[in-house]
Amino acid sequence: AEINASLHALKECVRFLAAGQQVPPHAYRASTLTKLLAGAFSRAGSSLMAVICTVSPSASDTEHTLSTLRTGAALRGPGQEREERHVLKSVSQPREPTPKQWTPDQVRSWMNGLENGL
């Protein structure tokens, strides 16, 4: 919960900067992270900031990955928030179902093929 609150405060500061407005002091005080970055935000034109976005390759995390990348893109600065889209090639081979999706017969077949419980 604290991480999410810090990220929310960071996003608020970035929104002010992206709108070309000075970040108000109450936005800095919202979290320890933004207090630490307050100097960089107040000198937005003369300071440099590096942003590293960690994303997941899993399709189940697509929503979180896009949110992370949008936040990282917003940190680039005003007017540079464009979103690039790439069409990914579909996988030509159908994937086998995971054990969680197996039928009872598939589970029994797999268990019968095991030696010594391994």
N, C-alpha and C. Protein backbone atom coordinates (compact mmCIF):
# COMPACT_ATOMS: atom_id res chain seq x y z
N ALA A 1 0.82 -1.19 0.00
CA ALA A 1 0.00 0.00 0.00
C ALA A 1 0.87 1.26 0.00
N GLU A 2 1.99 1.21 0.75
CA GLU A 2 2.88 2.38 0.80
C GLU A 2 3.56 2.62 -0.55
N ILE A 3 3.90 1.54 -1.24
CA ILE A 3 4.51 1.69 -2.57
C ILE A 3 3.51 2.34 -3.52
N ASN A 4 2.27 1.88 -3.49
CA ASN A 4 1.25 2.46 -4.36
C ASN A 4 1.01 3.93 -4.04
N ALA A 5 1.03 4.28 -2.75
CA ALA A 5 0.85 5.68 -2.36
C ALA A 5 2.01 6.53 -2.87
N SER A 6 3.24 6.00 -2.79
CA SER A 6 4.40 6.73 -3.29
C SER A 6 4.33 6.91 -4.80
N LEU A 7 3.92 5.86 -5.50
CA LEU A 7 3.81 5.96 -6.96
C LEU A 7 2.71 6.94 -7.35
N HIS A 8 1.62 6.97 -6.59
CA HIS A 8 0.55 7.92 -6.87
C HIS A 8 1.06 9.35 -6.69
N ALA A 9 1.79 9.59 -5.61
CA ALA A 9 2.35 10.93 -5.38
C ALA A 9 3.32 11.31 -6.49
N LEU A 10 4.11 10.35 -6.93
CA LEU A 10 5.05 10.61 -8.03
C LEU A 10 4.30 10.96 -9.31
N LYS A 11 3.23 10.22 -9.59
CA LYS A 11 2.42 10.52 -10.78
C LYS A 11 1.81 11.91 -10.71
N GLU A 12 1.37 12.30 -9.52
CA GLU A 12 0.80 13.64 -9.37
C GLU A 12 1.85 14.72 -9.69
N CYS A 13 3.05 14.54 -9.18
CA CYS A 13 4.13 15.49 -9.48
C CYS A 13 4.42 15.53 -10.97
N VAL A 14 4.44 14.36 -11.60
CA VAL A 14 4.71 14.28 -13.04
C VAL A 14 3.59 14.96 -13.83
N ARG A 15 2.35 14.81 -13.38
CA ARG A 15 1.22 15.45 -14.07
C ARG A 15 1.36 16.97 -14.05
N PHE A 16 1.78 17.52 -12.91
CA PHE A 16 1.99 18.97 -12.85
C PHE A 16 3.09 19.39 -13.82
N LEU A 17 4.18 18.63 -13.84
CA LEU A 17 5.28 18.97 -14.75
C LEU A 17 4.87 18.85 -16.21
N ALA A 18 4.12 17.78 -16.53
CA ALA A 18 3.69 17.57 -17.91
C ALA A 18 2.75 18.67 -18.37
N ALA A 19 2.00 19.26 -17.43
CA ALA A 19 1.09 20.36 -17.78
C ALA A 19 1.82 21.70 -17.82
N GLY A 20 3.13 21.68 -17.55
CA GLY A 20 3.92 22.91 -17.58
C GLY A 20 3.73 23.76 -16.34
N GLN A 21 3.22 23.16 -15.28
CA GLN A 21 2.98 23.89 -14.04
C GLN A 21 4.06 23.55 -13.02
N GLN A 22 4.26 24.47 -12.09
CA GLN A 22 5.19 24.20 -10.99
C GLN A 22 4.51 23.24 -10.03
N VAL A 23 5.27 22.26 -9.54
CA VAL A 23 4.72 21.27 -8.62
C VAL A 23 4.53 21.95 -7.26
N PRO A 24 3.30 21.94 -6.71
CA PRO A 24 3.06 22.59 -5.42
C PRO A 24 3.71 21.81 -4.27
N PRO A 25 4.06 22.50 -3.21
CA PRO A 25 4.73 21.84 -2.07
C PRO A 25 3.94 20.68 -1.47
N HIS A 26 2.60 20.75 -1.46
CA HIS A 26 1.84 19.65 -0.87
C HIS A 26 2.04 18.35 -1.64
N ALA A 27 2.33 18.44 -2.94
CA ALA A 27 2.57 17.23 -3.73
C ALA A 27 3.88 16.57 -3.32
N TYR A 28 4.90 17.37 -3.00
CA TYR A 28 6.18 16.81 -2.55
C TYR A 28 6.03 16.08 -1.22
N ARG A 29 5.22 16.63 -0.35
CA ARG A 29 5.11 16.08 1.00
C ARG A 29 4.27 14.80 1.06
N ALA A 30 3.71 14.39 -0.04
CA ALA A 30 2.82 13.22 -0.05
C ALA A 30 3.55 11.90 0.20
N SER A 31 4.84 11.83 -0.08
CA SER A 31 5.57 10.58 0.16
C SER A 31 7.06 10.86 0.32
N THR A 32 7.75 9.90 0.88
CA THR A 32 9.19 10.02 1.05
C THR A 32 9.88 10.08 -0.30
N LEU A 33 9.38 9.33 -1.27
CA LEU A 33 9.97 9.33 -2.61
C LEU A 33 9.93 10.72 -3.24
N THR A 34 8.79 11.37 -3.19
CA THR A 34 8.68 12.69 -3.80
C THR A 34 9.43 13.75 -2.99
N LYS A 35 9.56 13.57 -1.67
CA LYS A 35 10.39 14.47 -0.88
C LYS A 35 11.84 14.38 -1.35
N LEU A 36 12.28 13.16 -1.62
CA LEU A 36 13.64 12.93 -2.09
C LEU A 36 13.87 13.57 -3.46
N LEU A 37 12.86 13.53 -4.32
CA LEU A 37 12.98 14.06 -5.68
C LEU A 37 12.55 15.53 -5.80
N ALA A 38 12.18 16.15 -4.69
CA ALA A 38 11.67 17.52 -4.72
C ALA A 38 12.63 18.49 -5.42
N GLY A 39 13.91 18.36 -5.15
CA GLY A 39 14.89 19.24 -5.77
C GLY A 39 14.91 19.09 -7.28
N ALA A 40 14.81 17.88 -7.76
CA ALA A 40 14.81 17.64 -9.20
C ALA A 40 13.54 18.20 -9.84
N PHE A 41 12.42 18.07 -9.16
CA PHE A 41 11.17 18.60 -9.70
C PHE A 41 11.16 20.13 -9.71
N SER A 42 11.75 20.74 -8.69
CA SER A 42 11.74 22.20 -8.63
C SER A 42 12.70 22.82 -9.63
N ARG A 43 13.70 22.07 -10.06
CA ARG A 43 14.64 22.55 -11.08
C ARG A 43 14.46 21.74 -12.36
N ALA A 44 13.22 21.57 -12.78
CA ALA A 44 12.90 20.69 -13.91
C ALA A 44 13.67 21.03 -15.17
N GLY A 45 13.93 22.30 -15.42
CA GLY A 45 14.64 22.68 -16.64
C GLY A 45 16.13 22.45 -16.59
N SER A 46 16.71 22.38 -15.38
CA SER A 46 18.16 22.27 -15.27
C SER A 46 18.64 20.97 -14.65
N SER A 47 17.75 20.06 -14.37
CA SER A 47 18.17 18.79 -13.78
C SER A 47 17.86 17.63 -14.73
N LEU A 48 18.57 16.56 -14.55
CA LEU A 48 18.37 15.36 -15.36
C LEU A 48 17.88 14.23 -14.46
N MET A 49 17.03 13.39 -15.02
CA MET A 49 16.50 12.27 -14.25
C MET A 49 16.51 11.04 -15.15
N ALA A 50 16.92 9.92 -14.60
CA ALA A 50 16.87 8.65 -15.32
C ALA A 50 15.73 7.82 -14.75
N VAL A 51 15.01 7.17 -15.63
CA VAL A 51 13.87 6.34 -15.21
C VAL A 51 14.08 4.94 -15.76
N ILE A 52 13.95 3.96 -14.89
CA ILE A 52 14.04 2.55 -15.31
C ILE A 52 12.68 1.92 -15.05
N CYS A 53 12.07 1.41 -16.10
CA CYS A 53 10.76 0.76 -15.98
C CYS A 53 10.96 -0.75 -16.05
N THR A 54 10.51 -1.45 -15.04
CA THR A 54 10.60 -2.90 -15.03
C THR A 54 9.22 -3.45 -15.40
N VAL A 55 9.19 -4.25 -16.46
CA VAL A 55 7.92 -4.78 -16.95
C VAL A 55 7.98 -6.30 -17.02
N SER A 56 6.81 -6.89 -17.15
CA SER A 56 6.70 -8.34 -17.20
C SER A 56 6.43 -8.80 -18.64
N PRO A 57 7.05 -9.88 -19.06
CA PRO A 57 6.75 -10.42 -20.39
C PRO A 57 5.46 -11.23 -20.44
N SER A 58 4.86 -11.45 -19.29
CA SER A 58 3.66 -12.28 -19.21
C SER A 58 2.43 -11.53 -19.72
N ALA A 59 1.63 -12.21 -20.51
CA ALA A 59 0.41 -11.60 -21.04
C ALA A 59 -0.58 -11.28 -19.93
N SER A 60 -0.52 -12.00 -18.83
CA SER A 60 -1.46 -11.73 -17.73
C SER A 60 -1.15 -10.41 -17.02
N ASP A 61 0.05 -9.86 -17.22
CA ASP A 61 0.45 -8.61 -16.59
C ASP A 61 0.41 -7.42 -17.55
N THR A 62 -0.27 -7.57 -18.66
CA THR A 62 -0.29 -6.52 -19.69
C THR A 62 -0.78 -5.19 -19.15
N GLU A 63 -1.83 -5.19 -18.36
CA GLU A 63 -2.39 -3.94 -17.84
C GLU A 63 -1.36 -3.20 -16.98
N HIS A 64 -0.67 -3.93 -16.10
CA HIS A 64 0.33 -3.31 -15.24
C HIS A 64 1.54 -2.84 -16.05
N THR A 65 1.92 -3.62 -17.05
CA THR A 65 3.05 -3.26 -17.90
C THR A 65 2.76 -1.97 -18.65
N LEU A 66 1.57 -1.85 -19.22
CA LEU A 66 1.20 -0.63 -19.94
C LEU A 66 1.17 0.57 -19.01
N SER A 67 0.65 0.39 -17.81
CA SER A 67 0.62 1.49 -16.84
C SER A 67 2.04 1.94 -16.49
N THR A 68 2.94 0.99 -16.29
CA THR A 68 4.33 1.31 -15.98
C THR A 68 4.98 2.06 -17.13
N LEU A 69 4.76 1.59 -18.35
CA LEU A 69 5.36 2.25 -19.51
C LEU A 69 4.78 3.64 -19.75
N ARG A 70 3.49 3.82 -19.50
CA ARG A 70 2.89 5.16 -19.64
C ARG A 70 3.46 6.13 -18.62
N THR A 71 3.65 5.65 -17.40
CA THR A 71 4.24 6.51 -16.37
C THR A 71 5.67 6.86 -16.76
N GLY A 72 6.43 5.90 -17.23
CA GLY A 72 7.80 6.16 -17.67
C GLY A 72 7.83 7.13 -18.83
N ALA A 73 6.90 6.99 -19.77
CA ALA A 73 6.84 7.91 -20.91
C ALA A 73 6.47 9.32 -20.45
N ALA A 74 5.59 9.43 -19.47
CA ALA A 74 5.21 10.74 -18.96
C ALA A 74 6.39 11.44 -18.29
N LEU A 75 7.30 10.66 -17.73
CA LEU A 75 8.47 11.23 -17.07
C LEU A 75 9.49 11.79 -18.07
N ARG A 76 9.32 11.49 -19.34
CA ARG A 76 10.23 12.04 -20.36
C ARG A 76 10.14 13.55 -20.43
N GLY A 77 8.98 14.08 -20.15
CA GLY A 77 8.81 15.53 -20.18
C GLY A 77 7.58 15.92 -20.96
N PRO A 78 7.20 17.20 -20.86
CA PRO A 78 5.99 17.66 -21.54
C PRO A 78 6.10 17.54 -23.05
N GLY A 79 5.03 17.09 -23.66
CA GLY A 79 4.98 16.99 -25.12
C GLY A 79 5.60 15.74 -25.69
N GLN A 80 6.11 14.86 -24.86
CA GLN A 80 6.77 13.66 -25.36
C GLN A 80 6.08 12.39 -24.90
N GLU A 81 4.80 12.49 -24.58
CA GLU A 81 4.07 11.36 -24.02
C GLU A 81 3.44 10.45 -25.07
N ARG A 82 3.91 10.51 -26.29
CA ARG A 82 3.27 9.70 -27.33
C ARG A 82 3.45 8.21 -27.05
N GLU A 83 2.52 7.47 -27.52
CA GLU A 83 2.54 6.03 -27.29
C GLU A 83 2.83 5.34 -28.61
N GLU A 84 3.86 4.51 -28.63
CA GLU A 84 4.19 3.77 -29.83
C GLU A 84 3.56 2.39 -29.73
N ARG A 85 3.00 1.98 -30.84
CA ARG A 85 2.36 0.66 -30.85
C ARG A 85 3.01 -0.20 -31.91
N HIS A 86 3.23 -1.44 -31.55
CA HIS A 86 3.81 -2.40 -32.48
C HIS A 86 2.90 -3.62 -32.52
N VAL A 87 2.67 -4.12 -33.69
CA VAL A 87 1.86 -5.32 -33.83
C VAL A 87 2.79 -6.51 -33.68
N LEU A 88 2.49 -7.36 -32.73
CA LEU A 88 3.31 -8.53 -32.48
C LEU A 88 2.84 -9.69 -33.36
N LYS A 89 3.78 -10.45 -33.81
CA LYS A 89 3.44 -11.63 -34.60
C LYS A 89 2.80 -12.65 -33.68
N SER A 90 1.78 -13.31 -34.20
CA SER A 90 1.14 -14.34 -33.38
C SER A 90 1.99 -15.60 -33.39
N VAL A 91 1.90 -16.33 -32.34
CA VAL A 91 2.64 -17.58 -32.23
C VAL A 91 1.95 -18.60 -33.12
N SER A 92 2.71 -19.21 -34.03
CA SER A 92 2.10 -20.12 -34.99
C SER A 92 1.72 -21.46 -34.38
N GLN A 93 2.40 -21.86 -33.31
CA GLN A 93 2.09 -23.14 -32.70
C GLN A 93 1.13 -22.95 -31.53
N PRO A 94 0.06 -23.74 -31.49
CA PRO A 94 -0.84 -23.63 -30.34
C PRO A 94 -0.12 -24.12 -29.08
N ARG A 95 -0.37 -23.47 -27.99
CA ARG A 95 0.27 -23.85 -26.73
C ARG A 95 -0.46 -25.02 -26.10
N GLU A 96 0.31 -25.87 -25.44
CA GLU A 96 -0.29 -26.97 -24.70
C GLU A 96 -0.90 -26.42 -23.42
N PRO A 97 -1.99 -27.02 -22.96
CA PRO A 97 -2.59 -26.52 -21.71
C PRO A 97 -1.63 -26.72 -20.54
N THR A 98 -1.67 -25.81 -19.60
CA THR A 98 -0.84 -25.93 -18.40
C THR A 98 -1.45 -26.97 -17.48
N PRO A 99 -0.69 -27.52 -16.53
CA PRO A 99 -1.25 -28.53 -15.62
C PRO A 99 -2.52 -28.05 -14.91
N LYS A 100 -2.62 -26.77 -14.66
CA LYS A 100 -3.82 -26.23 -14.00
C LYS A 100 -5.07 -26.43 -14.87
N GLN A 101 -4.86 -26.52 -16.19
CA GLN A 101 -5.98 -26.65 -17.13
C GLN A 101 -6.23 -28.10 -17.54
N TRP A 102 -5.45 -29.04 -17.03
CA TRP A 102 -5.60 -30.43 -17.41
C TRP A 102 -6.92 -31.01 -16.93
N THR A 103 -7.40 -31.97 -17.69
CA THR A 103 -8.57 -32.74 -17.28
C THR A 103 -8.10 -33.81 -16.28
N PRO A 104 -9.02 -34.40 -15.54
CA PRO A 104 -8.61 -35.48 -14.62
C PRO A 104 -7.90 -36.63 -15.33
N ASP A 105 -8.32 -36.96 -16.56
CA ASP A 105 -7.66 -38.03 -17.31
C ASP A 105 -6.21 -37.66 -17.65
N GLN A 106 -5.97 -36.41 -17.98
CA GLN A 106 -4.60 -35.97 -18.29
C GLN A 106 -3.72 -36.03 -17.04
N VAL A 107 -4.28 -35.69 -15.89
CA VAL A 107 -3.53 -35.77 -14.64
C VAL A 107 -3.18 -37.22 -14.34
N ARG A 108 -4.15 -38.12 -14.47
CA ARG A 108 -3.90 -39.54 -14.22
C ARG A 108 -2.84 -40.08 -15.16
N SER A 109 -2.92 -39.72 -16.42
CA SER A 109 -1.94 -40.16 -17.41
C SER A 109 -0.54 -39.67 -17.05
N TRP A 110 -0.44 -38.44 -16.62
CA TRP A 110 0.86 -37.89 -16.24
C TRP A 110 1.41 -38.61 -15.01
N MET A 111 0.51 -38.85 -14.02
CA MET A 111 0.96 -39.53 -12.79
C MET A 111 1.38 -40.95 -13.07
N ASN A 112 0.71 -41.63 -13.99
CA ASN A 112 1.08 -43.02 -14.33
C ASN A 112 2.45 -43.06 -15.01
N GLY A 113 2.83 -41.98 -15.67
CA GLY A 113 4.11 -41.94 -16.35
C GLY A 113 5.28 -41.60 -15.45
N LEU A 114 5.00 -41.24 -14.22
CA LEU A 114 6.07 -40.88 -13.30
C LEU A 114 6.73 -42.12 -12.72
N GLU A 115 8.04 -42.03 -12.50
CA GLU A 115 8.76 -43.12 -11.84
C GLU A 115 9.20 -42.64 -10.47
N ASN A 116 8.94 -43.41 -9.44
CA ASN A 116 9.36 -43.10 -8.07
C ASN A 116 8.86 -41.74 -7.60
N GLY A 117 7.74 -41.30 -8.09
CA GLY A 117 7.17 -40.04 -7.64
C GLY A 117 7.88 -38.79 -8.15
N LEU A 118 8.77 -38.92 -9.12
CA LEU A 118 9.48 -37.76 -9.67
C LEU A 118 9.04 -37.47 -11.07
